[in-house]
């Protein structure tokens, strides 16, 4: 069905209230978008960080009486009668299918491929991970995931136990299992991520070798390899927990780190690890080391 998009420029203090007003006036969805390319990378847990200039965008059915909606909004004190807005028609598309058609098989390293579950594999003899991200983060398209996949492809994982902090879609743990790991323990704060990880593991015939937990339920165990594709602030906060889960002689591989943060994280963990050179892809970094 056809849609209309109403865009209102806001500051971060008013953006959520404007979003609530759009919802109250019939918006089917509300989105916040950076208006000036001012990225915010590290919100605190539970915090929603918006930009100094934020577009608040409401999606409306094209049959909606938008003159009435705008009149209602103009009565709000934070907007006023002469508030600025943009009203644009949107092309009617199947947005889910549009995304699916643009998610292609990707190769990482020499032998590992990540393939959407709805596409044919380009190399049947390669190590192919069939992925349906569902509601969880992790497709391989983001540099942080790519950096971890490249590392996994470069080492011998035979019979290794791998712990994956922030497992998301399960992509890293499943790749590790298909590359030879014996056991994967995935941990995530989002129950939806655990469901997506199990579904993807089952799709790849490794569902019996992956164990998935919320943080409070995770077993007290040390892995040969610990993966942590999470933000730098969390890597700092959980340093003792993450490090304790890596056995002596094991490897810790961290991403979700901006290139400007890499040296700080490297230094933070260097007391307990023989650090490897940082790897950079775009503006993101991978920091890794072997535990002393």
Protein backbone atom coordinates (compact mmCIF):
# COMPACT_ATOMS: atom_id res chain seq x y z
CA UNK A 1 0.00 0.00 0.00
CA UNK A 2 1.21 3.60 -0.60
CA UNK A 3 2.74 5.59 2.25
CA UNK A 4 3.48 9.17 3.27
CA UNK A 5 6.52 10.18 5.30
CA UNK A 6 6.34 13.21 7.57
CA UNK A 7 9.79 14.53 8.58
CA UNK A 8 10.34 17.05 11.38
CA UNK A 9 13.75 18.44 12.34
CA UNK A 10 14.33 18.33 16.09
CA UNK A 11 16.93 18.54 18.82
CA UNK A 12 17.60 15.47 21.01
CA UNK A 13 15.66 16.87 23.98
CA UNK A 14 12.40 17.08 21.98
CA UNK A 15 12.79 14.22 19.50
CA UNK A 16 11.15 11.49 21.56
CA UNK A 17 8.20 13.71 22.48
CA UNK A 18 7.69 14.55 18.81
CA UNK A 19 7.88 10.86 17.99
CA UNK A 20 5.19 10.15 20.58
CA UNK A 21 2.99 12.86 19.02
CA UNK A 22 3.40 11.32 15.58
CA UNK A 23 2.39 7.93 16.95
CA UNK A 24 -0.58 9.52 18.71
CA UNK A 25 -1.69 11.01 15.41
CA UNK A 26 -1.69 7.76 13.51
CA UNK A 27 1.91 7.10 12.44
CA UNK A 28 2.41 3.41 11.73
CA UNK A 29 6.12 3.70 12.57
CA UNK A 30 8.52 6.39 13.85
CA UNK A 31 12.20 6.57 12.96
CA UNK A 32 15.02 8.82 14.20
CA UNK A 33 17.74 9.77 11.69
CA UNK A 34 20.94 11.80 12.01
CA UNK A 35 20.48 15.05 10.08
CA UNK A 36 24.13 16.17 10.09
CA UNK A 37 26.30 13.01 10.00
CA UNK A 38 27.14 13.15 13.72
CA UNK A 39 27.29 9.44 14.74
CA UNK A 40 26.76 8.33 18.33
CA UNK A 41 28.56 5.04 18.99
CA UNK A 42 28.32 4.08 22.64
CA UNK A 43 25.04 4.53 24.52
CA UNK A 44 24.97 3.38 28.10
CA UNK A 45 22.73 0.38 28.88
CA UNK A 46 19.11 1.45 28.44
CA UNK A 47 20.10 4.87 27.07
CA UNK A 48 18.82 6.20 23.73
CA UNK A 49 21.34 8.61 22.24
CA UNK A 50 20.11 11.03 19.58
CA UNK A 51 22.01 13.51 17.46
CA UNK A 52 22.31 17.30 17.88
CA UNK A 53 20.05 17.63 14.84
CA UNK A 54 17.69 14.70 14.44
CA UNK A 55 15.07 13.97 11.82
CA UNK A 56 11.96 12.51 13.41
CA UNK A 57 10.12 10.63 10.68
CA UNK A 58 6.59 9.28 10.88
CA UNK A 59 5.23 6.75 8.38
CA UNK A 60 1.55 7.24 7.54
CA UNK A 61 -1.00 5.47 5.39
CA UNK A 62 -1.47 7.60 2.26
CA UNK A 63 -5.20 7.73 3.04
CA UNK A 64 -4.50 9.58 6.31
CA UNK A 65 -5.80 13.16 6.52
CA UNK A 66 -2.38 14.81 6.81
CA UNK A 67 -3.78 18.36 6.98
CA UNK A 68 -5.52 17.34 10.17
CA UNK A 69 -2.37 15.64 11.51
CA UNK A 70 -0.28 18.77 10.85
CA UNK A 71 -2.95 20.96 12.44
CA UNK A 72 -2.89 18.76 15.54
CA UNK A 73 0.89 18.93 15.74
CA UNK A 74 0.89 22.72 15.37
CA UNK A 75 -1.03 23.02 18.62
CA UNK A 76 1.82 21.42 20.53
CA UNK A 77 3.92 23.91 22.48
CA UNK A 78 7.24 22.33 21.45
CA UNK A 79 6.42 22.76 17.75
CA UNK A 80 4.17 25.80 17.42
CA UNK A 81 1.93 26.94 14.57
CA UNK A 82 4.72 27.58 12.05
CA UNK A 83 6.85 24.48 12.61
CA UNK A 84 8.86 23.22 9.62
CA UNK A 85 8.25 19.81 8.13
CA UNK A 86 8.60 17.77 4.97
CA UNK A 87 5.84 15.55 3.64
CA UNK A 88 6.87 13.06 0.97
CA UNK A 89 5.26 10.05 -0.72
CA UNK A 90 7.17 6.78 -0.45
CA UNK A 91 7.39 4.20 -3.18
CA UNK A 92 5.34 1.15 -2.36
CA UNK A 93 7.83 -1.70 -1.92
CA UNK A 94 8.14 -5.01 -0.19
CA UNK A 95 10.92 -3.73 2.09
CA UNK A 96 11.73 -7.14 3.56
CA UNK A 97 12.19 -8.62 0.08
CA UNK A 98 14.21 -5.57 -0.97
CA UNK A 99 16.65 -6.26 1.89
CA UNK A 100 16.77 -9.97 1.13
CA UNK A 101 17.62 -9.38 -2.51
CA UNK A 102 20.57 -7.18 -1.52
CA UNK A 103 22.06 -9.63 0.99
CA UNK A 104 24.52 -11.70 -1.06
CA UNK A 105 26.93 -14.54 -0.17
CA UNK A 106 30.21 -13.17 1.24
CA UNK A 107 33.63 -14.78 1.55
CA UNK A 108 35.87 -14.31 4.59
CA UNK A 109 39.45 -15.50 4.43
CA UNK A 110 40.27 -18.49 2.24
CA UNK A 111 37.55 -21.02 2.93
CA UNK A 112 34.64 -19.45 4.84
CA UNK A 113 31.45 -18.18 3.18
CA UNK A 114 28.39 -16.61 4.83
CA UNK A 115 25.34 -17.30 2.69
CA UNK A 116 21.76 -16.06 3.10
CA UNK A 117 19.54 -19.07 3.69
CA UNK A 118 17.38 -18.15 0.69
CA UNK A 119 20.29 -18.16 -1.83
CA UNK A 120 22.35 -20.91 -3.46
CA UNK A 121 25.93 -21.31 -2.20
CA UNK A 122 28.57 -20.15 -4.70
CA UNK A 123 31.10 -22.84 -3.68
CA UNK A 124 29.65 -26.13 -2.39
CA UNK A 125 33.13 -27.32 -1.36
CA UNK A 126 33.79 -24.30 0.90
CA UNK A 127 32.81 -23.94 4.57
CA UNK A 128 29.35 -22.45 4.12
CA UNK A 129 27.34 -20.90 6.95
CA UNK A 130 23.68 -20.53 5.98
CA UNK A 131 22.29 -17.52 7.79
CA UNK A 132 18.86 -16.03 8.44
CA UNK A 133 19.52 -13.12 10.83
CA UNK A 134 15.88 -12.76 11.89
CA UNK A 135 15.62 -10.16 14.65
CA UNK A 136 19.23 -10.43 15.80
CA UNK A 137 22.34 -8.55 14.79
CA UNK A 138 25.02 -10.22 12.70
CA UNK A 139 25.13 -10.86 8.95
CA UNK A 140 28.81 -10.40 8.17
CA UNK A 141 28.16 -7.16 6.32
CA UNK A 142 29.36 -5.05 9.25
CA UNK A 143 33.12 -4.55 9.59
CA UNK A 144 33.18 -5.75 13.21
CA UNK A 145 31.68 -9.13 12.31
CA UNK A 146 33.86 -9.40 9.20
CA UNK A 147 37.01 -8.86 11.28
CA UNK A 148 36.07 -11.70 13.63
CA UNK A 149 35.16 -14.04 10.76
CA UNK A 150 38.49 -13.36 9.07
CA UNK A 151 40.31 -14.23 12.30
CA UNK A 152 38.35 -17.47 12.73
CA UNK A 153 39.17 -18.51 9.17
CA UNK A 154 42.89 -17.95 9.81
CA UNK A 155 43.34 -20.34 12.77
CA UNK A 156 42.98 -24.06 13.50
CA UNK A 157 39.78 -24.52 15.52
CA UNK A 158 39.85 -28.32 15.64
CA UNK A 159 38.32 -29.58 18.91
CA UNK A 160 38.34 -26.09 20.44
CA UNK A 161 35.75 -24.74 22.89
CA UNK A 162 34.62 -21.25 21.89
CA UNK A 163 32.76 -18.73 24.04
CA UNK A 164 30.90 -15.99 22.14
CA UNK A 165 29.90 -12.93 24.19
CA UNK A 166 27.09 -11.02 22.46
CA UNK A 167 26.31 -13.88 20.08
CA UNK A 168 23.55 -12.01 18.18
CA UNK A 169 22.47 -14.14 15.20
CA UNK A 170 24.99 -16.82 16.16
CA UNK A 171 27.11 -16.14 13.10
CA UNK A 172 30.51 -16.30 14.83
CA UNK A 173 29.80 -19.40 16.91
CA UNK A 174 28.29 -21.28 13.97
CA UNK A 175 31.24 -20.34 11.77
CA UNK A 176 33.58 -21.62 14.50
CA UNK A 177 31.74 -24.95 14.67
CA UNK A 178 31.79 -25.41 10.91
CA UNK A 179 35.49 -24.57 10.90
CA UNK A 180 36.18 -27.41 13.34
CA UNK A 181 35.36 -26.22 16.87
CA UNK A 182 34.00 -28.90 19.20
CA UNK A 183 31.69 -26.75 21.34
CA UNK A 184 30.33 -23.19 21.37
CA UNK A 185 28.79 -21.34 24.28
CA UNK A 186 26.85 -18.27 23.15
CA UNK A 187 25.86 -15.52 25.59
CA UNK A 188 23.56 -12.58 24.90
CA UNK A 189 21.38 -10.22 26.91
CA UNK A 190 18.58 -10.44 24.30
CA UNK A 191 16.39 -13.57 24.38
CA UNK A 192 15.55 -12.98 20.70
CA UNK A 193 19.25 -13.34 19.89
CA UNK A 194 19.32 -16.74 21.57
CA UNK A 195 16.32 -17.87 19.51
CA UNK A 196 17.90 -16.62 16.28
CA UNK A 197 21.21 -18.29 17.15
CA UNK A 198 19.55 -21.64 17.82
CA UNK A 199 17.51 -21.46 14.61
CA UNK A 200 20.60 -20.64 12.56
CA UNK A 201 22.61 -23.38 14.29
CA UNK A 202 19.88 -25.92 13.50
CA UNK A 203 19.85 -24.72 9.88
CA UNK A 204 23.56 -25.47 9.72
CA UNK A 205 23.26 -28.88 11.41
CA UNK A 206 25.31 -27.80 14.45
CA UNK A 207 22.42 -27.14 16.82
CA UNK A 208 23.51 -29.94 19.15
CA UNK A 209 26.94 -28.35 19.70
CA UNK A 210 25.90 -24.81 20.58
CA UNK A 211 24.74 -23.84 24.08
CA UNK A 212 22.98 -20.51 24.50
CA UNK A 213 22.52 -18.54 27.70
CA UNK A 214 21.47 -15.23 29.16
CA UNK A 215 24.41 -13.78 31.15
CA UNK A 216 23.08 -14.78 34.58
CA UNK A 217 22.57 -18.38 33.44
CA UNK A 218 25.92 -18.91 31.71
CA UNK A 219 28.12 -21.72 33.06
CA UNK A 220 31.43 -21.05 34.78
CA UNK A 221 33.76 -22.36 32.10
CA UNK A 222 36.96 -21.38 30.33
CA UNK A 223 37.21 -21.49 26.56
CA UNK A 224 40.12 -22.03 24.20
CA UNK A 225 38.85 -18.99 22.30
CA UNK A 226 36.71 -16.14 23.60
CA UNK A 227 34.96 -13.90 21.06
CA UNK A 228 33.54 -10.55 22.16
CA UNK A 229 32.03 -8.51 19.33
CA UNK A 230 30.60 -5.84 21.60
CA UNK A 231 31.21 -2.13 22.23
CA UNK A 232 34.40 -0.79 23.77
CA UNK A 233 32.60 0.50 26.86
CA UNK A 234 31.33 -3.03 27.60
CA UNK A 235 34.78 -4.51 26.98
CA UNK A 236 36.11 -2.14 29.63
CA UNK A 237 33.28 -2.79 32.07
CA UNK A 238 33.36 -6.59 31.73
CA UNK A 239 37.13 -6.99 31.48
CA UNK A 240 37.46 -9.28 34.50
CA UNK A 241 34.53 -11.49 33.44
CA UNK A 242 35.60 -11.78 29.81
CA UNK A 243 39.22 -12.46 30.73
CA UNK A 244 38.29 -15.07 33.34
CA UNK A 245 36.48 -17.09 30.69
CA UNK A 246 39.65 -17.52 28.59
CA UNK A 247 42.03 -20.31 29.62
CA UNK A 248 45.78 -19.85 29.83
CA UNK A 249 47.19 -20.19 26.32
CA UNK A 250 43.78 -19.39 24.85
CA UNK A 251 42.90 -16.50 22.58
CA UNK A 252 40.67 -13.49 23.19
CA UNK A 253 39.28 -11.80 20.06
CA UNK A 254 37.46 -8.48 20.51
CA UNK A 255 35.71 -6.22 18.03
CA UNK A 256 32.93 -3.62 18.08
CA UNK A 257 35.80 -1.19 18.67
CA UNK A 258 36.42 2.03 16.77
CA UNK A 259 39.92 2.35 15.32
CA UNK A 260 40.46 5.32 17.66
CA UNK A 261 39.68 3.09 20.67
CA UNK A 262 41.83 0.12 19.66
CA UNK A 263 45.06 1.13 21.40
CA UNK A 264 43.22 1.84 24.66
CA UNK A 265 41.56 -1.62 24.63
CA UNK A 266 44.85 -3.23 23.60
CA UNK A 267 46.62 -1.60 26.53
CA UNK A 268 43.80 -2.47 28.95
CA UNK A 269 44.12 -6.21 28.26
CA UNK A 270 47.88 -6.33 27.74
CA UNK A 271 48.66 -7.17 31.39
CA UNK A 272 47.12 -10.60 30.94
CA UNK A 273 47.58 -11.21 27.22
CA UNK A 274 50.35 -11.27 24.66
CA UNK A 275 48.63 -8.92 22.25
CA UNK A 276 48.57 -9.39 18.49
CA UNK A 277 48.73 -6.45 16.06
CA UNK A 278 45.40 -4.64 15.82
CA UNK A 279 43.46 -5.21 12.60
CA UNK A 280 41.59 -2.28 11.05
CA UNK A 281 38.70 -2.39 8.57
CA UNK A 282 37.12 0.92 7.70
CA UNK A 283 36.76 2.81 10.98
CA UNK A 284 36.51 -0.37 13.07
CA UNK A 285 39.15 -2.51 14.74
CA UNK A 286 39.85 -6.02 16.00
CA UNK A 287 41.99 -6.43 19.11
CA UNK A 288 43.24 -9.91 20.04
CA UNK A 289 45.79 -11.68 22.18
CA UNK A 290 46.95 -14.95 23.73
CA UNK A 291 46.43 -15.30 27.49
CA UNK A 292 49.60 -15.63 29.54
